[in-house]
């Protein structure tokens, strides 16, 4: 992974996986919800740049 802006999410995912007893389906669901809100939060900024 060469995306330095995504590294905090990468390491946070490992930490959550290690210290919780959440199964893979639950962990994926949490990740999808976080990704959805992250993209929705970035959407106005993308529109401002004309993309």
C-alpha atoms as a PDB file:
ATOM      1  CA  UNK A   1       0.000   0.000   0.000  1.00  0.00           C
ATOM      2  CA  UNK A   2       1.452   3.274  -1.094  1.00  0.00           C
ATOM      3  CA  UNK A   3      -1.449   5.477   0.018  1.00  0.00           C
ATOM      4  CA  UNK A   4      -0.103   7.282   3.062  1.00  0.00           C
ATOM      5  CA  UNK A   5      -3.481   8.899   3.765  1.00  0.00           C
ATOM      6  CA  UNK A   6      -5.025   5.437   4.294  1.00  0.00           C
ATOM      7  CA  UNK A   7      -2.355   4.075   6.659  1.00  0.00           C
ATOM      8  CA  UNK A   8      -4.143   5.171   9.868  1.00  0.00           C
ATOM      9  CA  UNK A   9      -7.194   3.129   8.817  1.00  0.00           C
ATOM     10  CA  UNK A  10      -4.985   0.167   7.974  1.00  0.00           C
ATOM     11  CA  UNK A  11      -3.336   0.099  11.394  1.00  0.00           C
ATOM     12  CA  UNK A  12      -6.556   0.920  13.229  1.00  0.00           C
ATOM     13  CA  UNK A  13      -8.170  -2.090  11.554  1.00  0.00           C
ATOM     14  CA  UNK A  14      -5.410  -4.368  12.806  1.00  0.00           C
ATOM     15  CA  UNK A  15      -5.698  -2.991  16.334  1.00  0.00           C
ATOM     16  CA  UNK A  16      -9.462  -3.444  16.407  1.00  0.00           C
ATOM     17  CA  UNK A  17      -9.123  -6.993  15.057  1.00  0.00           C
ATOM     18  CA  UNK A  18      -6.545  -7.912  17.698  1.00  0.00           C
ATOM     19  CA  UNK A  19      -8.297  -6.459  20.748  1.00  0.00           C
ATOM     20  CA  UNK A  20     -11.920  -7.368  19.980  1.00  0.00           C
ATOM     21  CA  UNK A  21     -13.701 -10.640  19.518  1.00  0.00           C
ATOM     22  CA  UNK A  22     -15.642  -9.573  16.419  1.00  0.00           C
ATOM     23  CA  UNK A  23     -16.000 -12.151  13.642  1.00  0.00           C
ATOM     24  CA  UNK A  24     -15.039 -11.386  10.051  1.00  0.00           C
ATOM     25  CA  UNK A  25     -18.576 -10.568   8.896  1.00  0.00           C
ATOM     26  CA  UNK A  26     -19.054  -8.091  11.742  1.00  0.00           C
ATOM     27  CA  UNK A  27     -15.668  -6.521  11.099  1.00  0.00           C
ATOM     28  CA  UNK A  28     -16.434  -6.147   7.375  1.00  0.00           C
ATOM     29  CA  UNK A  29     -19.781  -4.550   8.179  1.00  0.00           C
ATOM     30  CA  UNK A  30     -18.115  -2.022  10.475  1.00  0.00           C
ATOM     31  CA  UNK A  31     -15.570  -1.263   7.744  1.00  0.00           C
ATOM     32  CA  UNK A  32     -18.257  -0.756   5.113  1.00  0.00           C
ATOM     33  CA  UNK A  33     -20.190   1.622   7.350  1.00  0.00           C
ATOM     34  CA  UNK A  34     -17.039   3.617   8.122  1.00  0.00           C
ATOM     35  CA  UNK A  35     -16.099   3.763   4.426  1.00  0.00           C
ATOM     36  CA  UNK A  36     -19.600   4.948   3.503  1.00  0.00           C
ATOM     37  CA  UNK A  37     -19.495   7.829   5.981  1.00  0.00           C
ATOM     38  CA  UNK A  38     -15.911   8.677   5.027  1.00  0.00           C
ATOM     39  CA  UNK A  39     -16.845   8.955   1.347  1.00  0.00           C
ATOM     40  CA  UNK A  40     -19.989  10.948   2.150  1.00  0.00           C
ATOM     41  CA  UNK A  41     -17.861  13.319   4.229  1.00  0.00           C
ATOM     42  CA  UNK A  42     -15.446  13.864   1.338  1.00  0.00           C
ATOM     43  CA  UNK A  43     -18.119  14.322  -1.324  1.00  0.00           C
ATOM     44  CA  UNK A  44     -18.626  18.109  -0.934  1.00  0.00           C
ATOM     45  CA  UNK A  45     -14.877  18.641  -1.208  1.00  0.00           C
ATOM     46  CA  UNK A  46     -14.770  16.652  -4.466  1.00  0.00           C
ATOM     47  CA  UNK A  47     -17.634  18.682  -5.936  1.00  0.00           C
ATOM     48  CA  UNK A  48     -15.836  21.920  -5.027  1.00  0.00           C
ATOM     49  CA  UNK A  49     -12.875  20.891  -7.199  1.00  0.00           C
ATOM     50  CA  UNK A  50     -15.077  20.237 -10.217  1.00  0.00           C
ATOM     51  CA  UNK A  51     -14.663  16.455 -10.260  1.00  0.00           C
END
